[in-house]
Amino acid sequence: MNKENTFKVIDKDGNEIEFEILFTFESDETNKNYMVYTDNTKDLEGNTKVYASAFKPDAEPLELLPVETEREWRIIETIIESITEENKKDKEETN
């Protein structure tokens, strides 16, 4: 994990959790910036848990904002699916 692409959060129980930023993007549709990140834990099916939030790129310290609408979630899901497919193709081409 590249420490430059990480941030830490204190959860409601006072535990420090480190997250890895997978990617960020700006949506022309919503005029917002989004971050997709993970704590590298797995769900019951063995998939890595991934989270998404809106954020203000110039804010110090980093402030994660809620994704507020179904439209925003559809945009985020479309980007995640696109990147996942691209990564699968890249992996297949190198094998």
PDB file of N, CA and C in Angstrom:
ATOM      1  N   MET A   1       0.848  -1.174   0.000  1.00  0.00           N
ATOM      2  CA  MET A   1       0.000   0.000   0.000  1.00  0.00           C
ATOM      3  C   MET A   1       0.894   1.238   0.000  1.00  0.00           C
ATOM      4  N   ASN A   2       0.706   2.102  -0.957  1.00  0.00           N
ATOM      5  CA  ASN A   2       1.451   3.349  -1.068  1.00  0.00           C
ATOM      6  C   ASN A   2       0.899   4.340  -0.041  1.00  0.00           C
ATOM      7  N   LYS A   3       1.722   4.748   0.921  1.00  0.00           N
ATOM      8  CA  LYS A   3       1.267   5.626   2.012  1.00  0.00           C
ATOM      9  C   LYS A   3       0.754   6.969   1.504  1.00  0.00           C
ATOM     10  N   GLU A   4       1.193   7.408   0.327  1.00  0.00           N
ATOM     11  CA  GLU A   4       0.705   8.664  -0.229  1.00  0.00           C
ATOM     12  C   GLU A   4      -0.751   8.565  -0.650  1.00  0.00           C
ATOM     13  N   ASN A   5      -1.212   7.362  -0.902  1.00  0.00           N
ATOM     14  CA  ASN A   5      -2.594   7.156  -1.348  1.00  0.00           C
ATOM     15  C   ASN A   5      -3.454   6.581  -0.242  1.00  0.00           C
ATOM     16  N   THR A   6      -3.163   6.960   0.999  1.00  0.00           N
ATOM     17  CA  THR A   6      -3.941   6.455   2.116  1.00  0.00           C
ATOM     18  C   THR A   6      -4.419   7.611   2.993  1.00  0.00           C
ATOM     19  N   PHE A   7      -5.431   7.307   3.791  1.00  0.00           N
ATOM     20  CA  PHE A   7      -5.882   8.243   4.818  1.00  0.00           C
ATOM     21  C   PHE A   7      -6.430   7.417   5.968  1.00  0.00           C
ATOM     22  N   LYS A   8      -6.486   8.025   7.131  1.00  0.00           N
ATOM     23  CA  LYS A   8      -6.959   7.326   8.323  1.00  0.00           C
ATOM     24  C   LYS A   8      -8.215   7.998   8.846  1.00  0.00           C
ATOM     25  N   VAL A   9      -9.090   7.145   9.409  1.00  0.00           N
ATOM     26  CA  VAL A   9     -10.352   7.601   9.968  1.00  0.00           C
ATOM     27  C   VAL A   9     -10.504   6.952  11.345  1.00  0.00           C
ATOM     28  N   ILE A  10     -11.064   7.680  12.280  1.00  0.00           N
ATOM     29  CA  ILE A  10     -11.407   7.119  13.583  1.00  0.00           C
ATOM     30  C   ILE A  10     -12.886   6.749  13.541  1.00  0.00           C
ATOM     31  N   ASP A  11     -13.189   5.461  13.760  1.00  0.00           N
ATOM     32  CA  ASP A  11     -14.584   5.031  13.701  1.00  0.00           C
ATOM     33  C   ASP A  11     -15.322   5.378  14.999  1.00  0.00           C
ATOM     34  N   LYS A  12     -16.595   5.048  15.058  1.00  0.00           N
ATOM     35  CA  LYS A  12     -17.433   5.415  16.205  1.00  0.00           C
ATOM     36  C   LYS A  12     -16.977   4.760  17.502  1.00  0.00           C
ATOM     37  N   ASP A  13     -16.189   3.671  17.407  1.00  0.00           N
ATOM     38  CA  ASP A  13     -15.682   2.984  18.588  1.00  0.00           C
ATOM     39  C   ASP A  13     -14.284   3.457  18.982  1.00  0.00           C
ATOM     40  N   GLY A  14     -13.763   4.459  18.255  1.00  0.00           N
ATOM     41  CA  GLY A  14     -12.439   4.989  18.568  1.00  0.00           C
ATOM     42  C   GLY A  14     -11.290   4.243  17.915  1.00  0.00           C
ATOM     43  N   ASN A  15     -11.595   3.310  17.022  1.00  0.00           N
ATOM     44  CA  ASN A  15     -10.556   2.553  16.320  1.00  0.00           C
ATOM     45  C   ASN A  15     -10.067   3.325  15.097  1.00  0.00           C
ATOM     46  N   GLU A  16      -8.759   3.321  14.873  1.00  0.00           N
ATOM     47  CA  GLU A  16      -8.196   3.972  13.692  1.00  0.00           C
ATOM     48  C   GLU A  16      -8.209   2.982  12.527  1.00  0.00           C
ATOM     49  N   ILE A  17      -8.768   3.397  11.419  1.00  0.00           N
ATOM     50  CA  ILE A  17      -8.846   2.545  10.224  1.00  0.00           C
ATOM     51  C   ILE A  17      -8.111   3.252   9.099  1.00  0.00           C
ATOM     52  N   GLU A  18      -7.220   2.516   8.424  1.00  0.00           N
ATOM     53  CA  GLU A  18      -6.494   3.079   7.291  1.00  0.00           C
ATOM     54  C   GLU A  18      -7.163   2.641   5.995  1.00  0.00           C
ATOM     55  N   PHE A  19      -7.416   3.597   5.126  1.00  0.00           N
ATOM     56  CA  PHE A  19      -8.027   3.336   3.835  1.00  0.00           C
ATOM     57  C   PHE A  19      -7.042   3.639   2.727  1.00  0.00           C
ATOM     58  N   GLU A  20      -7.128   2.873   1.662  1.00  0.00           N
ATOM     59  CA  GLU A  20      -6.323   3.092   0.460  1.00  0.00           C
ATOM     60  C   GLU A  20      -7.217   3.713  -0.607  1.00  0.00           C
ATOM     61  N   ILE A  21      -6.764   4.818  -1.174  1.00  0.00           N
ATOM     62  CA  ILE A  21      -7.515   5.469  -2.247  1.00  0.00           C
ATOM     63  C   ILE A  21      -7.254   4.704  -3.541  1.00  0.00           C
ATOM     64  N   LEU A  22      -8.305   4.171  -4.129  1.00  0.00           N
ATOM     65  CA  LEU A  22      -8.166   3.422  -5.379  1.00  0.00           C
ATOM     66  C   LEU A  22      -8.122   4.379  -6.567  1.00  0.00           C
ATOM     67  N   PHE A  23      -9.037   5.345  -6.587  1.00  0.00           N
ATOM     68  CA  PHE A  23      -9.021   6.369  -7.627  1.00  0.00           C
ATOM     69  C   PHE A  23      -9.984   7.484  -7.253  1.00  0.00           C
ATOM     70  N   THR A  24      -9.810   8.607  -7.907  1.00  0.00           N
ATOM     71  CA  THR A  24     -10.712   9.743  -7.759  1.00  0.00           C
ATOM     72  C   THR A  24     -11.142  10.171  -9.156  1.00  0.00           C
ATOM     73  N   PHE A  25     -12.276  10.834  -9.221  1.00  0.00           N
ATOM     74  CA  PHE A  25     -12.717  11.369 -10.506  1.00  0.00           C
ATOM     75  C   PHE A  25     -13.680  12.519 -10.273  1.00  0.00           C
ATOM     76  N   GLU A  26     -13.813  13.356 -11.281  1.00  0.00           N
ATOM     77  CA  GLU A  26     -14.760  14.461 -11.252  1.00  0.00           C
ATOM     78  C   GLU A  26     -15.862  14.153 -12.252  1.00  0.00           C
ATOM     79  N   SER A  27     -17.104  14.346 -11.838  1.00  0.00           N
ATOM     80  CA  SER A  27     -18.240  14.099 -12.711  1.00  0.00           C
ATOM     81  C   SER A  27     -18.709  15.412 -13.323  1.00  0.00           C
ATOM     82  N   ASP A  28     -18.767  15.446 -14.644  1.00  0.00           N
ATOM     83  CA  ASP A  28     -19.307  16.618 -15.334  1.00  0.00           C
ATOM     84  C   ASP A  28     -20.811  16.734 -15.094  1.00  0.00           C
ATOM     85  N   GLU A  29     -21.465  15.589 -14.861  1.00  0.00           N
ATOM     86  CA  GLU A  29     -22.919  15.582 -14.641  1.00  0.00           C
ATOM     87  C   GLU A  29     -23.308  16.253 -13.334  1.00  0.00           C
ATOM     88  N   THR A  30     -22.543  15.981 -12.272  1.00  0.00           N
ATOM     89  CA  THR A  30     -22.901  16.495 -10.947  1.00  0.00           C
ATOM     90  C   THR A  30     -22.015  17.655 -10.497  1.00  0.00           C
ATOM     91  N   ASN A  31     -20.922  17.881 -11.226  1.00  0.00           N
ATOM     92  CA  ASN A  31     -19.941  18.897 -10.841  1.00  0.00           C
ATOM     93  C   ASN A  31     -19.371  18.640  -9.447  1.00  0.00           C
ATOM     94  N   LYS A  32     -19.214  17.358  -9.118  1.00  0.00           N
ATOM     95  CA  LYS A  32     -18.635  16.960  -7.837  1.00  0.00           C
ATOM     96  C   LYS A  32     -17.436  16.049  -8.088  1.00  0.00           C
ATOM     97  N   ASN A  33     -16.571  15.974  -7.088  1.00  0.00           N
ATOM     98  CA  ASN A  33     -15.444  15.049  -7.106  1.00  0.00           C
ATOM     99  C   ASN A  33     -15.784  13.864  -6.221  1.00  0.00           C
ATOM    100  N   TYR A  34     -15.366  12.681  -6.659  1.00  0.00           N
ATOM    101  CA  TYR A  34     -15.637  11.449  -5.921  1.00  0.00           C
ATOM    102  C   TYR A  34     -14.345  10.691  -5.680  1.00  0.00           C
ATOM    103  N   MET A  35     -14.335   9.952  -4.575  1.00  0.00           N
ATOM    104  CA  MET A  35     -13.205   9.114  -4.226  1.00  0.00           C
ATOM    105  C   MET A  35     -13.726   7.698  -4.002  1.00  0.00           C
ATOM    106  N   VAL A  36     -13.028   6.722  -4.565  1.00  0.00           N
ATOM    107  CA  VAL A  36     -13.339   5.314  -4.335  1.00  0.00           C
ATOM    108  C   VAL A  36     -12.157   4.758  -3.557  1.00  0.00           C
ATOM    109  N   TYR A  37     -12.453   4.095  -2.434  1.00  0.00           N
ATOM    110  CA  TYR A  37     -11.392   3.671  -1.529  1.00  0.00           C
ATOM    111  C   TYR A  37     -11.747   2.351  -0.849  1.00  0.00           C
ATOM    112  N   THR A  38     -10.766   1.738  -0.204  1.00  0.00           N
ATOM    113  CA  THR A  38     -10.966   0.446   0.448  1.00  0.00           C
ATOM    114  C   THR A  38     -10.140   0.376   1.723  1.00  0.00           C
ATOM    115  N   ASP A  39     -10.603  -0.460   2.646  1.00  0.00           N
ATOM    116  CA  ASP A  39      -9.798  -0.782   3.824  1.00  0.00           C
ATOM    117  C   ASP A  39      -9.176  -2.173   3.660  1.00  0.00           C
ATOM    118  N   ASN A  40      -9.318  -2.725   2.459  1.00  0.00           N
ATOM    119  CA  ASN A  40      -8.761  -4.027   2.078  1.00  0.00           C
ATOM    120  C   ASN A  40      -9.310  -5.193   2.897  1.00  0.00           C
ATOM    121  N   THR A  41     -10.510  -5.030   3.471  1.00  0.00           N
ATOM    122  CA  THR A  41     -11.169  -6.162   4.115  1.00  0.00           C
ATOM    123  C   THR A  41     -12.050  -6.845   3.069  1.00  0.00           C
ATOM    124  N   LYS A  42     -12.486  -8.062   3.386  1.00  0.00           N
ATOM    125  CA  LYS A  42     -13.287  -8.855   2.454  1.00  0.00           C
ATOM    126  C   LYS A  42     -14.708  -9.026   2.976  1.00  0.00           C
ATOM    127  N   ASP A  43     -15.664  -9.142   2.040  1.00  0.00           N
ATOM    128  CA  ASP A  43     -17.035  -9.452   2.427  1.00  0.00           C
ATOM    129  C   ASP A  43     -17.192 -10.966   2.531  1.00  0.00           C
ATOM    130  N   LEU A  44     -18.397 -11.438   2.781  1.00  0.00           N
ATOM    131  CA  LEU A  44     -18.630 -12.869   2.972  1.00  0.00           C
ATOM    132  C   LEU A  44     -18.315 -13.700   1.732  1.00  0.00           C
ATOM    133  N   GLU A  45     -18.382 -13.085   0.539  1.00  0.00           N
ATOM    134  CA  GLU A  45     -18.078 -13.801  -0.703  1.00  0.00           C
ATOM    135  C   GLU A  45     -16.592 -13.726  -1.060  1.00  0.00           C
ATOM    136  N   GLY A  46     -15.801 -13.043  -0.252  1.00  0.00           N
ATOM    137  CA  GLY A  46     -14.376 -12.929  -0.522  1.00  0.00           C
ATOM    138  C   GLY A  46     -13.995 -11.740  -1.395  1.00  0.00           C
ATOM    139  N   ASN A  47     -14.947 -10.868  -1.677  1.00  0.00           N
ATOM    140  CA  ASN A  47     -14.669  -9.672  -2.475  1.00  0.00           C
ATOM    141  C   ASN A  47     -14.141  -8.560  -1.578  1.00  0.00           C
ATOM    142  N   THR A  48     -13.203  -7.788  -2.100  1.00  0.00           N
ATOM    143  CA  THR A  48     -12.681  -6.658  -1.351  1.00  0.00           C
ATOM    144  C   THR A  48     -13.762  -5.594  -1.215  1.00  0.00           C
ATOM    145  N   LYS A  49     -13.950  -5.102   0.016  1.00  0.00           N
ATOM    146  CA  LYS A  49     -14.941  -4.059   0.261  1.00  0.00           C
ATOM    147  C   LYS A  49     -14.436  -2.733  -0.306  1.00  0.00           C
ATOM    148  N   VAL A  50     -15.312  -2.054  -1.044  1.00  0.00           N
ATOM    149  CA  VAL A  50     -14.983  -0.774  -1.673  1.00  0.00           C
ATOM    150  C   VAL A  50     -16.041   0.239  -1.257  1.00  0.00           C
ATOM    151  N   TYR A  51     -15.590   1.451  -0.986  1.00  0.00           N
ATOM    152  CA  TYR A  51     -16.471   2.527  -0.540  1.00  0.00           C
ATOM    153  C   TYR A  51     -16.320   3.712  -1.485  1.00  0.00           C
ATOM    154  N   ALA A  52     -17.300   4.602  -1.462  1.00  0.00           N
ATOM    155  CA  ALA A  52     -17.229   5.806  -2.287  1.00  0.00           C
ATOM    156  C   ALA A  52     -17.811   6.979  -1.508  1.00  0.00           C
ATOM    157  N   SER A  53     -17.203   8.127  -1.707  1.00  0.00           N
ATOM    158  CA  SER A  53     -17.673   9.367  -1.090  1.00  0.00           C
ATOM    159  C   SER A  53     -17.418  10.508  -2.046  1.00  0.00           C
ATOM    160  N   ALA A  54     -18.186  11.567  -1.871  1.00  0.00           N
ATOM    161  CA  ALA A  54     -17.856  12.824  -2.535  1.00  0.00           C
ATOM    162  C   ALA A  54     -16.796  13.494  -1.669  1.00  0.00           C
ATOM    163  N   PHE A  55     -16.018  14.384  -2.253  1.00  0.00           N
ATOM    164  CA  PHE A  55     -15.036  15.125  -1.473  1.00  0.00           C
ATOM    165  C   PHE A  55     -14.710  16.429  -2.174  1.00  0.00           C
ATOM    166  N   LYS A  56     -14.159  17.347  -1.404  1.00  0.00           N
ATOM    167  CA  LYS A  56     -13.702  18.624  -1.951  1.00  0.00           C
ATOM    168  C   LYS A  56     -12.193  18.523  -2.099  1.00  0.00           C
ATOM    169  N   PRO A  57     -11.683  18.562  -3.334  1.00  0.00           N
ATOM    170  CA  PRO A  57     -10.261  18.301  -3.567  1.00  0.00           C
ATOM    171  C   PRO A  57      -9.310  19.299  -2.905  1.00  0.00           C
ATOM    172  N   ASP A  58      -9.772  20.509  -2.644  1.00  0.00           N
ATOM    173  CA  ASP A  58      -8.885  21.516  -2.066  1.00  0.00           C
ATOM    174  C   ASP A  58      -9.011  21.621  -0.550  1.00  0.00           C
ATOM    175  N   ALA A  59      -9.888  20.831   0.057  1.00  0.00           N
ATOM    176  CA  ALA A  59     -10.109  20.921   1.498  1.00  0.00           C
ATOM    177  C   ALA A  59      -8.954  20.293   2.271  1.00  0.00           C
ATOM    178  N   GLU A  60      -8.503  20.977   3.292  1.00  0.00           N
ATOM    179  CA  GLU A  60      -7.502  20.460   4.219  1.00  0.00           C
ATOM    180  C   GLU A  60      -8.042  20.622   5.612  1.00  0.00           C
ATOM    181  N   PRO A  61      -8.191  19.575   6.390  1.00  0.00           N
ATOM    182  CA  PRO A  61      -7.914  18.188   6.046  1.00  0.00           C
ATOM    183  C   PRO A  61      -9.001  17.619   5.127  1.00  0.00           C
ATOM    184  N   LEU A  62      -8.739  16.415   4.636  1.00  0.00           N
ATOM    185  CA  LEU A  62      -9.682  15.729   3.764  1.00  0.00           C
ATOM    186  C   LEU A  62     -11.038  15.618   4.447  1.00  0.00           C
ATOM    187  N   GLU A  63     -12.084  15.977   3.721  1.00  0.00           N
ATOM    188  CA  GLU A  63     -13.442  15.856   4.245  1.00  0.00           C
ATOM    189  C   GLU A  63     -14.258  15.009   3.281  1.00  0.00           C
ATOM    190  N   LEU A  64     -14.676  13.843   3.764  1.00  0.00           N
ATOM    191  CA  LEU A  64     -15.521  12.971   2.953  1.00  0.00           C
ATOM    192  C   LEU A  64     -16.970  13.388   3.131  1.00  0.00           C
ATOM    193  N   LEU A  65     -17.682  13.448   2.025  1.00  0.00           N
ATOM    194  CA  LEU A  65     -19.078  13.876   2.021  1.00  0.00           C
ATOM    195  C   LEU A  65     -19.956  12.732   1.524  1.00  0.00           C
ATOM    196  N   PRO A  66     -21.193  12.661   1.970  1.00  0.00           N
ATOM    197  CA  PRO A  66     -22.048  11.554   1.534  1.00  0.00           C
ATOM    198  C   PRO A  66     -22.427  11.657   0.064  1.00  0.00           C
ATOM    199  N   VAL A  67     -22.606  10.492  -0.541  1.00  0.00           N
ATOM    200  CA  VAL A  67     -23.193  10.419  -1.876  1.00  0.00           C
ATOM    201  C   VAL A  67     -24.689  10.505  -1.631  1.00  0.00           C
ATOM    202  N   GLU A  68     -25.335  11.495  -2.215  1.00  0.00           N
ATOM    203  CA  GLU A  68     -26.691  11.837  -1.796  1.00  0.00           C
ATOM    204  C   GLU A  68     -27.820  11.305  -2.672  1.00  0.00           C
ATOM    205  N   THR A  69     -27.530  10.982  -3.916  1.00  0.00           N
ATOM    206  CA  THR A  69     -28.634  10.601  -4.802  1.00  0.00           C
ATOM    207  C   THR A  69     -28.350   9.284  -5.516  1.00  0.00           C
ATOM    208  N   GLU A  70     -29.425   8.673  -5.985  1.00  0.00           N
ATOM    209  CA  GLU A  70     -29.295   7.447  -6.793  1.00  0.00           C
ATOM    210  C   GLU A  70     -28.502   7.731  -8.070  1.00  0.00           C
ATOM    211  N   ARG A  71     -28.707   8.902  -8.631  1.00  0.00           N
ATOM    212  CA  ARG A  71     -27.985   9.293  -9.852  1.00  0.00           C
ATOM    213  C   ARG A  71     -26.479   9.280  -9.611  1.00  0.00           C
ATOM    214  N   GLU A  72     -26.052   9.828  -8.462  1.00  0.00           N
ATOM    215  CA  GLU A  72     -24.629   9.821  -8.129  1.00  0.00           C
ATOM    216  C   GLU A  72     -24.109   8.389  -7.996  1.00  0.00           C
ATOM    217  N   TRP A  73     -24.882   7.522  -7.312  1.00  0.00           N
ATOM    218  CA  TRP A  73     -24.453   6.127  -7.158  1.00  0.00           C
ATOM    219  C   TRP A  73     -24.334   5.433  -8.517  1.00  0.00           C
ATOM    220  N   ARG A  74     -25.253   5.712  -9.434  1.00  0.00           N
ATOM    221  CA  ARG A  74     -25.175   5.108 -10.772  1.00  0.00           C
ATOM    222  C   ARG A  74     -23.909   5.554 -11.500  1.00  0.00           C
ATOM    223  N   ILE A  75     -23.564   6.819 -11.366  1.00  0.00           N
ATOM    224  CA  ILE A  75     -22.335   7.336 -11.993  1.00  0.00           C
ATOM    225  C   ILE A  75     -21.119   6.622 -11.414  1.00  0.00           C
ATOM    226  N   ILE A  76     -21.063   6.525 -10.092  1.00  0.00           N
ATOM    227  CA  ILE A  76     -19.928   5.866  -9.421  1.00  0.00           C
ATOM    228  C   ILE A  76     -19.845   4.403  -9.831  1.00  0.00           C
ATOM    229  N   GLU A  77     -20.972   3.703  -9.812  1.00  0.00           N
ATOM    230  CA  GLU A  77     -20.985   2.278 -10.185  1.00  0.00           C
ATOM    231  C   GLU A  77     -20.541   2.071 -11.624  1.00  0.00           C
ATOM    232  N   THR A  78     -20.949   2.955 -12.519  1.00  0.00           N
ATOM    233  CA  THR A  78     -20.535   2.861 -13.920  1.00  0.00           C
ATOM    234  C   THR A  78     -19.020   3.016 -14.049  1.00  0.00           C
ATOM    235  N   ILE A  79     -18.451   3.960 -13.325  1.00  0.00           N
ATOM    236  CA  ILE A  79     -16.995   4.172 -13.369  1.00  0.00           C
ATOM    237  C   ILE A  79     -16.275   2.953 -12.795  1.00  0.00           C
ATOM    238  N   ILE A  80     -16.745   2.431 -11.659  1.00  0.00           N
ATOM    239  CA  ILE A  80     -16.113   1.246 -11.050  1.00  0.00           C
ATOM    240  C   ILE A  80     -16.168   0.065 -12.009  1.00  0.00           C
ATOM    241  N   GLU A  81     -17.322  -0.165 -12.622  1.00  0.00           N
ATOM    242  CA  GLU A  81     -17.461  -1.281 -13.565  1.00  0.00           C
ATOM    243  C   GLU A  81     -16.518  -1.108 -14.755  1.00  0.00           C
ATOM    244  N   SER A  82     -16.407   0.101 -15.255  1.00  0.00           N
ATOM    245  CA  SER A  82     -15.532   0.387 -16.390  1.00  0.00           C
ATOM    246  C   SER A  82     -14.067   0.105 -16.034  1.00  0.00           C
ATOM    247  N   ILE A  83     -13.645   0.556 -14.879  1.00  0.00           N
ATOM    248  CA  ILE A  83     -12.249   0.336 -14.456  1.00  0.00           C
ATOM    249  C   ILE A  83     -12.005  -1.140 -14.181  1.00  0.00           C
ATOM    250  N   THR A  84     -12.975  -1.825 -13.585  1.00  0.00           N
ATOM    251  CA  THR A  84     -12.838  -3.262 -13.330  1.00  0.00           C
ATOM    252  C   THR A  84     -12.673  -4.026 -14.635  1.00  0.00           C
ATOM    253  N   GLU A  85     -13.491  -3.713 -15.636  1.00  0.00           N
ATOM    254  CA  GLU A  85     -13.386  -4.371 -16.942  1.00  0.00           C
ATOM    255  C   GLU A  85     -12.040  -4.079 -17.598  1.00  0.00           C
ATOM    256  N   GLU A  86     -11.587  -2.842 -17.501  1.00  0.00           N
ATOM    257  CA  GLU A  86     -10.296  -2.456 -18.074  1.00  0.00           C
ATOM    258  C   GLU A  86      -9.157  -3.232 -17.405  1.00  0.00           C
ATOM    259  N   ASN A  87      -9.233  -3.377 -16.081  1.00  0.00           N
ATOM    260  CA  ASN A  87      -8.201  -4.121 -15.356  1.00  0.00           C
ATOM    261  C   ASN A  87      -8.214  -5.596 -15.729  1.00  0.00           C
ATOM    262  N   LYS A  88      -9.403  -6.176 -15.931  1.00  0.00           N
ATOM    263  CA  LYS A  88      -9.502  -7.573 -16.353  1.00  0.00           C
ATOM    264  C   LYS A  88      -8.855  -7.770 -17.717  1.00  0.00           C
ATOM    265  N   LYS A  89      -9.120  -6.850 -18.646  1.00  0.00           N
ATOM    266  CA  LYS A  89      -8.534  -6.945 -19.979  1.00  0.00           C
ATOM    267  C   LYS A  89      -7.015  -6.842 -19.914  1.00  0.00           C
ATOM    268  N   ASP A  90      -6.519  -5.891 -19.112  1.00  0.00           N
ATOM    269  CA  ASP A  90      -5.074  -5.734 -18.963  1.00  0.00           C
ATOM    270  C   ASP A  90      -4.436  -6.991 -18.390  1.00  0.00           C
ATOM    271  N   LYS A  91      -5.090  -7.605 -17.412  1.00  0.00           N
ATOM    272  CA  LYS A  91      -4.572  -8.810 -16.777  1.00  0.00           C
ATOM    273  C   LYS A  91      -4.548  -9.964 -17.779  1.00  0.00           C
ATOM    274  N   GLU A  92      -5.606 -10.096 -18.594  1.00  0.00           N
ATOM    275  CA  GLU A  92      -5.669 -11.150 -19.594  1.00  0.00           C
ATOM    276  C   GLU A  92      -4.580 -10.969 -20.660  1.00  0.00           C
ATOM    277  N   GLU A  93      -4.307  -9.736 -21.035  1.00  0.00           N
ATOM    278  CA  GLU A  93      -3.299  -9.469 -22.061  1.00  0.00           C
ATOM    279  C   GLU A  93      -1.888  -9.756 -21.575  1.00  0.00           C
ATOM    280  N   THR A  94      -1.639  -9.643 -20.272  1.00  0.00           N
ATOM    281  CA  THR A  94      -0.301  -9.898 -19.748  1.00  0.00           C
ATOM    282  C   THR A  94      -0.086 -11.376 -19.448  1.00  0.00           C
ATOM    283  N   ASN A  95      -1.155 -12.172 -19.431  1.00  0.00           N
ATOM    284  CA  ASN A  95      -1.015 -13.625 -19.160  1.00  0.00           C
ATOM    285  C   ASN A  95      -0.841 -14.413 -20.412  1.00  0.00           C
TER     286      ASN A  95
END
